[in-house]
Amino acid sequence: MADFGEILKSIGDFGIFQKTLLFALCTPNIIFSFHFASVLFVESDPERHCNTDWILKVGANLTTEEQLNLTLPRDEDGTFSRCQMFIPVDWDIDAIRDYGLNETTSCQNGWMYSSKVYQSTIVTDVSVHYSAKLAQSVYMAGILVGCLLFGPFAESFGRKRGVQIPAVTSTVLTVVTGLSPNFYLYLASQFIVGISYGAFRLNCIILATEWMGVSRRSWAACLAQLCGALGQSVVAGLVYFIRDWRLAQMTIAALSIGFAVYIWFIPESARWLLDRGRTEEAKKLITKVANINRHTIQSSLMEKVTFFFTIAMFGLSELPAHILCIWVLEAVGRKVSLMSTLLIGGVLCLLILAFPQGNPLAVTILAMAGRIFTNLAGNICNLLIQELFPTCLLCCRQTASGLGSIVSRAGGLLAPLLNMLALYHWSIPTIVFSSLLFISGALSFLLPETRQTDLPDSTEESLTEKNLQIFLDKRTICLM
């Protein structure tokens, strides 16, 4: 089995192909940062005061300054109040000028907004003055969800799809945002744009780094951040010339169309293709990259690209292990089985450090064995969740299972980022992964044994069984 790093050196690890790919993947971050920074402009709450046009019925010739002086109280700093007004009266204009108004109330007929800075923002259009903070929170929540969803998505469906789909959805939803007739649709579209931002930002770095050599891998992360910062700087100039928030959104959408089109021609990660056993596709792609970089790849090196056999061995080796696990769970119990599989898996993974990187046979065997034990531990965890949690509504078994699934997907999300730490030293990912297995194995000691026990149907039933076990343990100690 050929190491992909060796293949990458042969075809060029930072040639014309990698430079073009890096530019194509990092440039959209400029536009995505427009969304991130434009929130501060689009959702800006400009200077405002209560609408007091009622006084114009009795004083049609009043200037704006006279109208404000007669109808609005002033705050302690001397400025007109943003949220208070004098209560309207049925006096003539001379009486109002002579006696003045003293009793105040909150705004009764909406607000009047200053157009000195912006012609229109979402706040002025819908008159929801908490919209700025709420919309920013919704947008940030979308970014978080995008990272959580599209990490596992890219692992299953490819890095290419992980950048293509967010690029298209962000463009479409930017148009929807600019056309939003109400604040609720605006929030929903901003949430999806946030998902797209988080998904693209994550997967563009992963796709770029998987095509680069060790010495240039940091370029992907750094240039993506650089383009993001550049976008935040440019958007200030954009909004300076475009003061209407809907027009600003349409302008951002128009700029997004370009990368939403060319992103469909981005190549897939050859590493991901090889990992999924799609060897022929990977070979064609590797050959194409070698031609673009004007490198000649050795035929003997291409012949070593056989991952089909490796993946088949990984799957076949697990079959007897899973069958054996059924007997072990009933023979020694859930607790001992979980502890042993986690700790043994950690030891096997840690032993990889004892062999040089140039010994692929030993590393593959240890990685295969470690994977078997960690998969068995995952099966045992799934069973323990069913036996530990009751069927009740508030602490239900299904909720616990769902949480476990989310955590496992988070692991898939963080795994590529963990592998990026190999840039500093090749042993860091192995040490971190092994340490997590050791910690999990040690914490498993705190779990109760659930072998040959009925599934609890309520929290009280679960607690009763637990308390009964504690009582029996104490009684045994006293008798001894």
Protein backbone atom coordinates (compact mmCIF):
# COMPACT_ATOMS: atom_id res chain seq x y z
CA MET A 1 0.00 0.00 0.00
CA ALA A 2 1.51 3.29 -1.10
CA ASP A 3 1.48 6.18 1.33
CA PHE A 4 -0.36 9.13 -0.20
CA GLY A 5 2.38 11.49 0.95
CA GLU A 6 4.80 9.57 -1.26
CA ILE A 7 2.39 9.85 -4.19
CA LEU A 8 1.94 13.56 -3.56
CA LYS A 9 5.68 14.16 -3.69
CA SER A 10 5.84 12.33 -7.00
CA ILE A 11 3.05 14.35 -8.66
CA GLY A 12 4.05 17.67 -7.04
CA ASP A 13 2.85 18.71 -3.60
CA PHE A 14 2.60 22.45 -4.36
CA GLY A 15 2.45 22.80 -8.11
CA ILE A 16 0.13 24.64 -10.49
CA PHE A 17 -2.78 22.40 -9.48
CA GLN A 18 -2.43 23.05 -5.73
CA LYS A 19 -1.99 26.80 -6.21
CA THR A 20 -5.06 27.02 -8.43
CA LEU A 21 -7.10 24.91 -6.02
CA LEU A 22 -5.97 27.01 -3.06
CA PHE A 23 -6.99 30.23 -4.82
CA ALA A 24 -10.34 28.76 -5.88
CA LEU A 25 -11.18 27.55 -2.36
CA CYS A 26 -9.95 30.54 -0.36
CA THR A 27 -11.35 33.36 -2.51
CA PRO A 28 -15.04 32.62 -1.65
CA ASN A 29 -14.17 33.36 1.99
CA ILE A 30 -14.01 37.02 0.98
CA ILE A 31 -17.68 36.92 -0.06
CA PHE A 32 -18.69 34.82 2.96
CA SER A 33 -17.13 37.42 5.22
CA PHE A 34 -19.42 39.98 3.60
CA HIS A 35 -22.29 38.13 5.25
CA PHE A 36 -20.47 38.02 8.56
CA ALA A 37 -19.56 41.70 8.63
CA SER A 38 -22.61 43.10 6.83
CA VAL A 39 -24.76 42.03 9.78
CA LEU A 40 -23.40 45.07 11.61
CA PHE A 41 -24.61 47.33 8.79
CA VAL A 42 -27.76 45.58 7.56
CA GLU A 43 -29.12 45.23 11.09
CA SER A 44 -27.89 48.61 12.31
CA ASP A 45 -30.30 50.50 14.56
CA PRO A 46 -30.01 54.12 13.36
CA GLU A 47 -30.93 57.26 15.29
CA ARG A 48 -34.66 57.36 15.87
CA HIS A 49 -37.40 59.12 17.81
CA CYS A 50 -41.12 58.73 18.27
CA ASN A 51 -43.38 59.71 15.42
CA THR A 52 -45.07 62.95 16.53
CA ASP A 53 -46.74 64.02 13.30
CA TRP A 54 -49.93 64.59 15.28
CA ILE A 55 -48.80 68.13 16.05
CA LEU A 56 -48.65 69.00 12.35
CA LYS A 57 -52.47 68.97 12.29
CA VAL A 58 -52.48 72.09 14.48
CA GLY A 59 -49.18 73.53 13.28
CA ALA A 60 -48.65 72.64 9.65
CA ASN A 61 -45.86 75.19 9.19
CA LEU A 62 -43.66 73.89 12.02
CA THR A 63 -40.04 73.18 11.18
CA THR A 64 -38.61 69.77 12.07
CA GLU A 65 -36.62 71.31 14.93
CA GLU A 66 -39.70 73.06 16.36
CA GLN A 67 -41.75 69.87 16.10
CA LEU A 68 -39.15 67.87 18.03
CA ASN A 69 -38.71 70.55 20.70
CA LEU A 70 -42.44 70.72 21.37
CA THR A 71 -43.26 66.99 21.31
CA LEU A 72 -40.20 65.11 22.64
CA PRO A 73 -38.58 65.12 26.08
CA ARG A 74 -34.82 65.14 26.37
CA ASP A 75 -32.58 62.60 28.08
CA GLU A 76 -29.98 63.52 30.69
CA ASP A 77 -27.32 63.99 28.01
CA GLY A 78 -29.48 66.60 26.28
CA THR A 79 -30.48 64.49 23.26
CA PHE A 80 -34.07 63.76 22.29
CA SER A 81 -35.51 60.60 23.82
CA ARG A 82 -35.62 57.57 21.51
CA CYS A 83 -38.55 55.86 23.24
CA GLN A 84 -40.61 58.60 24.95
CA MET A 85 -42.89 61.39 23.72
CA PHE A 86 -45.23 63.96 25.23
CA ILE A 87 -48.86 62.89 25.39
CA PRO A 88 -50.82 64.49 22.51
CA VAL A 89 -53.38 67.19 23.48
CA ASP A 90 -56.28 68.97 21.74
CA TRP A 91 -54.78 72.47 22.11
CA ASP A 92 -53.97 74.94 19.43
CA ILE A 93 -50.36 75.55 18.50
CA ASP A 94 -50.11 78.82 20.44
CA ALA A 95 -51.26 77.15 23.69
CA ILE A 96 -48.74 74.38 23.21
CA ARG A 97 -45.96 76.94 22.71
CA ASP A 98 -47.02 79.05 25.70
CA TYR A 99 -47.61 76.31 28.27
CA GLY A 100 -45.58 73.40 26.89
CA LEU A 101 -46.25 69.67 27.40
CA ASN A 102 -45.07 67.75 30.47
CA GLU A 103 -46.73 64.32 30.64
CA THR A 104 -44.85 61.61 28.73
CA THR A 105 -45.69 58.20 27.32
CA SER A 106 -44.06 55.55 25.15
CA CYS A 107 -44.17 55.87 21.36
CA GLN A 108 -47.77 55.55 20.17
CA ASN A 109 -47.42 55.82 16.39
CA GLY A 110 -44.13 54.13 15.64
CA TRP A 111 -40.77 55.75 15.04
CA MET A 112 -39.07 58.16 12.71
CA TYR A 113 -35.57 57.11 11.62
CA SER A 114 -32.59 59.17 10.59
CA SER A 115 -31.39 58.52 7.02
CA LYS A 116 -28.08 60.33 7.43
CA VAL A 117 -26.10 57.05 7.54
CA TYR A 118 -28.40 54.41 5.99
CA GLN A 119 -31.35 54.78 3.69
CA SER A 120 -32.83 51.52 4.94
CA THR A 121 -31.94 48.68 7.34
CA ILE A 122 -33.89 45.64 8.54
CA VAL A 123 -34.60 47.59 11.75
CA THR A 124 -36.19 50.51 9.92
CA ASP A 125 -38.19 48.21 7.65
CA VAL A 126 -39.76 46.00 10.33
CA SER A 127 -39.40 48.29 13.40
CA VAL A 128 -38.06 45.47 15.57
CA HIS A 129 -35.35 47.12 17.62
CA TYR A 130 -34.05 43.95 19.21
CA SER A 131 -33.53 42.46 15.74
CA ALA A 132 -29.83 43.27 15.54
CA LYS A 133 -28.77 41.21 18.54
CA LEU A 134 -31.26 38.42 17.82
CA ALA A 135 -30.27 38.11 14.16
CA GLN A 136 -26.57 38.04 15.05
CA SER A 137 -27.21 35.24 17.54
CA VAL A 138 -29.23 33.28 14.97
CA TYR A 139 -26.47 33.73 12.38
CA MET A 140 -23.78 32.53 14.80
CA ALA A 141 -25.95 29.56 15.74
CA GLY A 142 -26.15 28.71 12.04
CA ILE A 143 -22.35 28.72 11.78
CA LEU A 144 -22.14 26.29 14.71
CA VAL A 145 -24.76 23.98 13.19
CA GLY A 146 -22.98 24.13 9.84
CA CYS A 147 -19.73 22.92 11.38
CA LEU A 148 -21.52 20.14 13.27
CA LEU A 149 -23.57 18.92 10.29
CA PHE A 150 -21.16 19.23 7.41
CA GLY A 151 -18.18 17.67 9.14
CA PRO A 152 -19.78 14.19 9.19
CA PHE A 153 -21.48 14.99 5.87
CA ALA A 154 -18.11 15.52 4.17
CA GLU A 155 -16.80 12.31 5.71
CA SER A 156 -19.68 10.36 4.17
CA PHE A 157 -20.26 12.14 0.85
CA GLY A 158 -16.92 13.74 0.11
CA ARG A 159 -15.08 17.01 0.65
CA LYS A 160 -16.18 18.22 -2.79
CA ARG A 161 -19.86 18.09 -1.87
CA GLY A 162 -18.99 19.66 1.47
CA VAL A 163 -17.99 22.90 -0.29
CA GLN A 164 -20.32 22.82 -3.30
CA ILE A 165 -23.63 22.63 -1.43
CA PRO A 166 -22.85 25.50 1.00
CA ALA A 167 -21.67 27.67 -1.89
CA VAL A 168 -24.98 27.27 -3.73
CA THR A 169 -27.27 27.47 -0.71
CA SER A 170 -25.61 30.66 0.54
CA THR A 171 -26.12 32.34 -2.83
CA VAL A 172 -29.80 31.35 -3.03
CA LEU A 173 -30.53 32.26 0.58
CA THR A 174 -28.82 35.62 0.21
CA VAL A 175 -31.39 36.47 -2.45
CA VAL A 176 -34.15 35.22 -0.14
CA THR A 177 -32.76 37.41 2.64
CA GLY A 178 -32.87 40.50 0.44
CA LEU A 179 -36.48 39.77 -0.56
CA SER A 180 -37.72 38.87 2.94
CA PRO A 181 -41.12 40.50 3.55
CA ASN A 182 -40.94 39.97 7.31
CA PHE A 183 -38.46 39.50 10.12
CA TYR A 184 -39.15 35.79 10.62
CA LEU A 185 -38.23 34.80 7.06
CA TYR A 186 -35.18 37.04 7.40
CA LEU A 187 -34.07 35.12 10.51
CA ALA A 188 -34.65 31.74 8.85
CA SER A 189 -32.65 32.68 5.76
CA GLN A 190 -29.84 34.14 7.87
CA PHE A 191 -29.69 30.90 9.86
CA ILE A 192 -29.20 28.87 6.68
CA VAL A 193 -26.61 31.34 5.37
CA GLY A 194 -24.79 30.87 8.67
CA ILE A 195 -24.89 27.09 8.19
CA SER A 196 -23.38 27.55 4.73
CA TYR A 197 -20.66 29.83 6.07
CA GLY A 198 -19.60 27.37 8.77
CA ALA A 199 -19.75 24.40 6.41
CA PHE A 200 -17.74 26.02 3.63
CA ARG A 201 -15.12 27.51 5.95
CA LEU A 202 -14.49 24.09 7.50
CA ASN A 203 -14.45 21.93 4.38
CA CYS A 204 -12.52 24.28 2.09
CA ILE A 205 -9.55 24.06 4.48
CA ILE A 206 -9.81 20.28 4.72
CA LEU A 207 -10.02 19.82 0.94
CA ALA A 208 -7.07 22.14 0.32
CA THR A 209 -4.82 20.59 2.98
CA GLU A 210 -5.46 17.04 1.74
CA TRP A 211 -3.95 17.95 -1.64
CA MET A 212 -0.84 19.65 -0.23
CA GLY A 213 2.50 18.47 1.05
CA VAL A 214 3.62 18.80 4.65
CA SER A 215 5.68 21.94 4.10
CA ARG A 216 2.81 23.95 2.52
CA ARG A 217 -0.18 22.58 4.39
CA SER A 218 -0.44 25.59 6.68
CA TRP A 219 -1.12 27.80 3.63
CA ALA A 220 -4.69 26.54 3.38
CA ALA A 221 -5.73 27.58 6.88
CA CYS A 222 -3.80 30.85 6.85
CA LEU A 223 -4.98 32.01 3.41
CA ALA A 224 -8.58 31.15 4.26
CA GLN A 225 -8.33 33.37 7.37
CA LEU A 226 -6.55 36.07 5.34
CA CYS A 227 -9.32 36.14 2.74
CA GLY A 228 -11.90 36.29 5.51
CA ALA A 229 -10.20 39.32 7.05
CA LEU A 230 -9.94 40.94 3.62
CA GLY A 231 -13.64 40.43 3.08
CA GLN A 232 -14.49 42.15 6.36
CA SER A 233 -12.38 45.11 5.28
CA VAL A 234 -13.90 45.35 1.78
CA VAL A 235 -17.49 45.16 3.00
CA ALA A 236 -17.10 48.51 4.76
CA GLY A 237 -16.45 50.12 1.38
CA LEU A 238 -19.33 48.20 -0.18
CA VAL A 239 -21.84 49.44 2.38
CA TYR A 240 -20.43 52.97 2.15
CA PHE A 241 -21.66 53.18 -1.44
CA ILE A 242 -24.79 51.03 -0.97
CA ARG A 243 -26.87 52.35 1.92
CA ASP A 244 -30.00 50.24 1.30
CA TRP A 245 -29.84 46.82 3.01
CA ARG A 246 -31.87 44.98 0.35
CA LEU A 247 -29.68 46.28 -2.45
CA ALA A 248 -26.61 45.33 -0.42
CA GLN A 249 -27.87 41.74 -0.09
CA MET A 250 -28.53 41.51 -3.83
CA THR A 251 -25.05 42.82 -4.55
CA ILE A 252 -23.51 40.16 -2.31
CA ALA A 253 -25.63 37.50 -4.05
CA ALA A 254 -24.46 38.72 -7.48
CA LEU A 255 -20.83 38.49 -6.36
CA SER A 256 -21.50 34.97 -5.01
CA ILE A 257 -22.80 33.61 -8.31
CA GLY A 258 -19.32 33.36 -9.80
CA PHE A 259 -17.85 31.03 -7.19
CA ALA A 260 -21.15 29.14 -6.86
CA VAL A 261 -20.68 28.16 -10.53
CA TYR A 262 -16.97 27.33 -10.70
CA ILE A 263 -17.02 25.47 -7.38
CA TRP A 264 -18.76 22.58 -9.21
CA PHE A 265 -15.54 21.97 -11.13
CA ILE A 266 -13.47 21.56 -7.96
CA PRO A 267 -11.86 18.07 -7.85
CA GLU A 268 -12.50 15.62 -5.04
CA SER A 269 -9.87 14.79 -2.44
CA ALA A 270 -7.83 11.79 -3.66
CA ARG A 271 -7.17 10.88 -0.03
CA TRP A 272 -10.90 10.59 0.59
CA LEU A 273 -11.42 8.55 -2.58
CA LEU A 274 -8.69 6.11 -1.59
CA ASP A 275 -10.07 5.87 1.93
CA ARG A 276 -13.48 4.98 0.48
CA GLY A 277 -11.98 2.32 -1.79
CA ARG A 278 -12.67 4.28 -5.00
CA THR A 279 -9.20 3.49 -6.30
CA GLU A 280 -9.81 3.85 -10.04
CA GLU A 281 -11.25 7.35 -9.58
CA ALA A 282 -8.31 8.27 -7.40
CA LYS A 283 -5.81 6.94 -9.98
CA LYS A 284 -7.37 9.01 -12.77
CA LEU A 285 -7.37 12.11 -10.59
CA ILE A 286 -3.76 11.58 -9.47
CA THR A 287 -2.66 11.14 -13.09
CA LYS A 288 -4.51 14.31 -14.09
CA VAL A 289 -2.87 16.31 -11.29
CA ALA A 290 0.55 14.99 -12.29
CA ASN A 291 -0.04 16.21 -15.85
CA ILE A 292 -1.18 19.64 -14.65
CA ASN A 293 1.92 19.95 -12.44
CA ARG A 294 4.07 18.65 -15.35
CA HIS A 295 5.36 15.75 -13.30
CA THR A 296 5.81 12.17 -14.40
CA ILE A 297 4.46 9.70 -11.87
CA GLN A 298 6.22 6.35 -11.65
CA SER A 299 4.10 3.44 -12.86
CA SER A 300 5.42 1.28 -10.01
CA LEU A 301 4.09 3.81 -7.52
CA MET A 302 0.63 3.77 -9.08
CA GLU A 303 0.57 0.00 -8.98
CA LYS A 304 0.91 0.17 -5.21
CA VAL A 305 -2.34 2.11 -4.86
CA THR A 306 -4.53 -0.83 -3.72
CA PHE A 307 -6.83 0.27 -0.99
CA PHE A 308 -9.59 -2.08 -2.01
CA PHE A 309 -7.75 -4.94 -0.33
CA THR A 310 -7.06 -2.95 2.82
CA ILE A 311 -10.69 -1.89 3.26
CA ALA A 312 -11.89 -5.45 2.65
CA MET A 313 -9.46 -6.70 5.28
CA PHE A 314 -10.72 -4.08 7.76
CA GLY A 315 -14.28 -5.27 7.24
CA LEU A 316 -13.55 -9.00 7.21
CA SER A 317 -11.39 -8.81 10.33
CA GLU A 318 -14.30 -7.27 12.27
CA LEU A 319 -16.79 -10.05 11.47
CA PRO A 320 -15.42 -12.66 13.90
CA ALA A 321 -14.77 -9.93 16.48
CA HIS A 322 -18.42 -8.83 16.50
CA ILE A 323 -19.58 -12.42 16.76
CA LEU A 324 -17.20 -13.01 19.68
CA CYS A 325 -18.46 -9.82 21.33
CA ILE A 326 -21.94 -11.34 21.73
CA TRP A 327 -20.52 -14.17 23.86
CA VAL A 328 -18.14 -11.90 25.82
CA LEU A 329 -20.93 -9.49 26.80
CA GLU A 330 -22.93 -12.29 28.39
CA ALA A 331 -19.90 -14.09 29.87
CA VAL A 332 -18.02 -11.23 31.57
CA GLY A 333 -20.60 -8.44 31.52
CA ARG A 334 -20.91 -5.01 29.96
CA LYS A 335 -18.67 -3.07 32.32
CA VAL A 336 -15.59 -5.30 32.03
CA SER A 337 -16.07 -5.63 28.28
CA LEU A 338 -16.21 -1.85 27.78
CA MET A 339 -13.19 -1.18 29.98
CA SER A 340 -11.08 -3.89 28.35
CA THR A 341 -11.88 -2.95 24.74
CA LEU A 342 -11.16 0.73 25.34
CA LEU A 343 -7.89 0.13 27.21
CA ILE A 344 -6.63 -2.54 24.81
CA GLY A 345 -7.53 -0.32 21.86
CA GLY A 346 -5.59 2.53 23.45
CA VAL A 347 -2.53 0.35 23.99
CA LEU A 348 -2.59 -0.92 20.39
CA CYS A 349 -2.86 2.60 19.00
CA LEU A 350 -0.06 3.81 21.26
CA LEU A 351 2.19 0.95 20.07
CA ILE A 352 2.14 2.52 16.61
CA LEU A 353 4.63 5.06 17.97
CA ALA A 354 7.12 2.26 18.59
CA PHE A 355 7.50 1.61 14.86
CA PRO A 356 9.03 3.97 12.31
CA GLN A 357 6.75 5.64 9.77
CA GLY A 358 8.49 3.73 7.01
CA ASN A 359 7.12 0.40 8.29
CA PRO A 360 3.58 0.40 6.79
CA LEU A 361 2.92 -3.29 7.53
CA ALA A 362 3.28 -2.97 11.31
CA VAL A 363 1.39 0.33 11.40
CA THR A 364 -1.49 -1.12 9.34
CA ILE A 365 -1.78 -4.23 11.52
CA LEU A 366 -1.80 -2.20 14.76
CA ALA A 367 -4.25 0.34 13.33
CA MET A 368 -6.52 -2.48 12.17
CA ALA A 369 -6.44 -4.15 15.58
CA GLY A 370 -7.02 -0.85 17.38
CA ARG A 371 -9.96 -0.08 15.11
CA ILE A 372 -11.54 -3.46 15.86
CA PHE A 373 -11.42 -2.88 19.62
CA THR A 374 -12.71 0.70 19.41
CA ASN A 375 -15.60 -0.42 17.19
CA LEU A 376 -16.44 -3.13 19.71
CA ALA A 377 -16.42 -0.49 22.44
CA GLY A 378 -18.88 1.53 20.37
CA ASN A 379 -21.22 -1.45 20.12
CA ILE A 380 -21.05 -1.99 23.87
CA CYS A 381 -21.81 1.71 24.47
CA ASN A 382 -24.91 1.46 22.29
CA LEU A 383 -26.12 -1.48 24.37
CA LEU A 384 -25.31 0.23 27.69
CA ILE A 385 -27.31 3.31 26.73
CA GLN A 386 -30.39 1.13 26.20
CA GLU A 387 -29.95 -0.63 29.54
CA LEU A 388 -29.02 2.40 31.67
CA PHE A 389 -31.66 4.93 30.58
CA PRO A 390 -35.40 4.56 31.27
CA THR A 391 -38.29 4.91 28.86
CA CYS A 392 -39.73 8.01 30.59
CA LEU A 393 -40.42 11.26 28.74
CA LEU A 394 -37.88 13.65 30.31
CA CYS A 395 -34.90 11.28 30.44
CA CYS A 396 -35.86 8.89 27.70
CA ARG A 397 -33.73 6.19 26.14
CA GLN A 398 -34.14 7.67 22.68
CA THR A 399 -32.83 11.07 23.79
CA ALA A 400 -29.73 9.43 25.25
CA SER A 401 -29.22 7.45 22.05
CA GLY A 402 -29.54 10.62 20.00
CA LEU A 403 -27.00 12.39 22.19
CA GLY A 404 -24.61 9.50 21.73
CA SER A 405 -25.04 9.73 17.97
CA ILE A 406 -24.34 13.49 18.05
CA VAL A 407 -21.14 12.92 20.04
CA SER A 408 -19.98 10.26 17.58
CA ARG A 409 -20.63 12.66 14.68
CA ALA A 410 -18.68 15.34 16.53
CA GLY A 411 -15.79 12.87 16.62
CA GLY A 412 -16.01 12.53 12.85
CA LEU A 413 -15.98 16.32 12.61
CA LEU A 414 -12.89 16.74 14.80
CA ALA A 415 -10.91 13.81 13.38
CA PRO A 416 -9.64 15.65 10.27
CA LEU A 417 -8.70 18.64 12.42
CA LEU A 418 -6.85 16.32 14.81
CA ASN A 419 -4.91 14.84 11.89
CA MET A 420 -3.82 18.35 10.93
CA LEU A 421 -1.77 18.45 14.15
CA ALA A 422 0.63 16.04 12.45
CA LEU A 423 2.01 19.17 10.80
CA TYR A 424 3.81 19.91 14.08
CA HIS A 425 4.77 16.30 14.84
CA TRP A 426 3.54 13.05 13.31
CA SER A 427 2.91 11.46 16.72
CA ILE A 428 0.46 14.07 18.09
CA PRO A 429 -2.78 12.62 16.59
CA THR A 430 -1.88 9.10 17.79
CA ILE A 431 -1.08 10.32 21.32
CA VAL A 432 -4.31 12.33 21.58
CA PHE A 433 -6.47 9.50 20.28
CA SER A 434 -4.83 6.93 22.56
CA SER A 435 -5.20 9.24 25.57
CA LEU A 436 -8.93 9.59 24.92
CA LEU A 437 -9.28 5.81 24.88
CA PHE A 438 -7.40 5.49 28.18
CA ILE A 439 -9.52 8.19 29.83
CA SER A 440 -12.76 6.63 28.56
CA GLY A 441 -11.64 3.19 29.76
CA ALA A 442 -10.88 4.57 33.23
CA LEU A 443 -14.23 6.40 33.46
CA SER A 444 -16.03 3.20 32.49
CA PHE A 445 -15.15 1.86 35.94
CA LEU A 446 -17.82 4.21 37.36
CA LEU A 447 -20.62 2.63 35.33
CA PRO A 448 -22.92 0.01 36.87
CA GLU A 449 -23.18 -3.54 35.52
CA THR A 450 -26.41 -4.11 33.56
CA ARG A 451 -26.02 -7.72 32.45
CA GLN A 452 -29.19 -9.82 32.86
CA THR A 453 -31.27 -6.87 34.14
CA ASP A 454 -34.61 -5.67 32.78
CA LEU A 455 -34.81 -2.41 30.89
CA PRO A 456 -36.00 0.34 33.29
CA ASP A 457 -39.31 1.92 32.27
CA SER A 458 -39.14 4.97 34.56
CA THR A 459 -36.64 7.15 36.37
CA GLU A 460 -37.91 5.88 39.72
CA GLU A 461 -37.39 2.29 38.64
CA SER A 462 -33.86 3.05 37.49
CA LEU A 463 -33.02 4.82 40.74
CA THR A 464 -34.58 2.03 42.78
CA GLU A 465 -32.38 -0.57 41.14
CA LYS A 466 -29.34 1.62 41.68
CA ASN A 467 -30.17 2.26 45.34
CA LEU A 468 -30.81 -1.45 45.87
CA GLN A 469 -27.37 -2.28 44.52
CA ILE A 470 -25.76 0.31 46.83
CA PHE A 471 -27.68 -1.17 49.78
CA LEU A 472 -26.55 -4.71 48.98
CA ASP A 473 -22.94 -3.59 48.62
CA LYS A 474 -23.02 -1.86 52.04
CA ARG A 475 -24.67 -4.88 53.64
CA THR A 476 -21.96 -7.18 52.28
CA ILE A 477 -19.26 -4.91 53.71
CA CYS A 478 -20.93 -4.89 57.15
CA LEU A 479 -21.21 -8.68 57.25
CA MET A 480 -17.54 -9.02 56.41
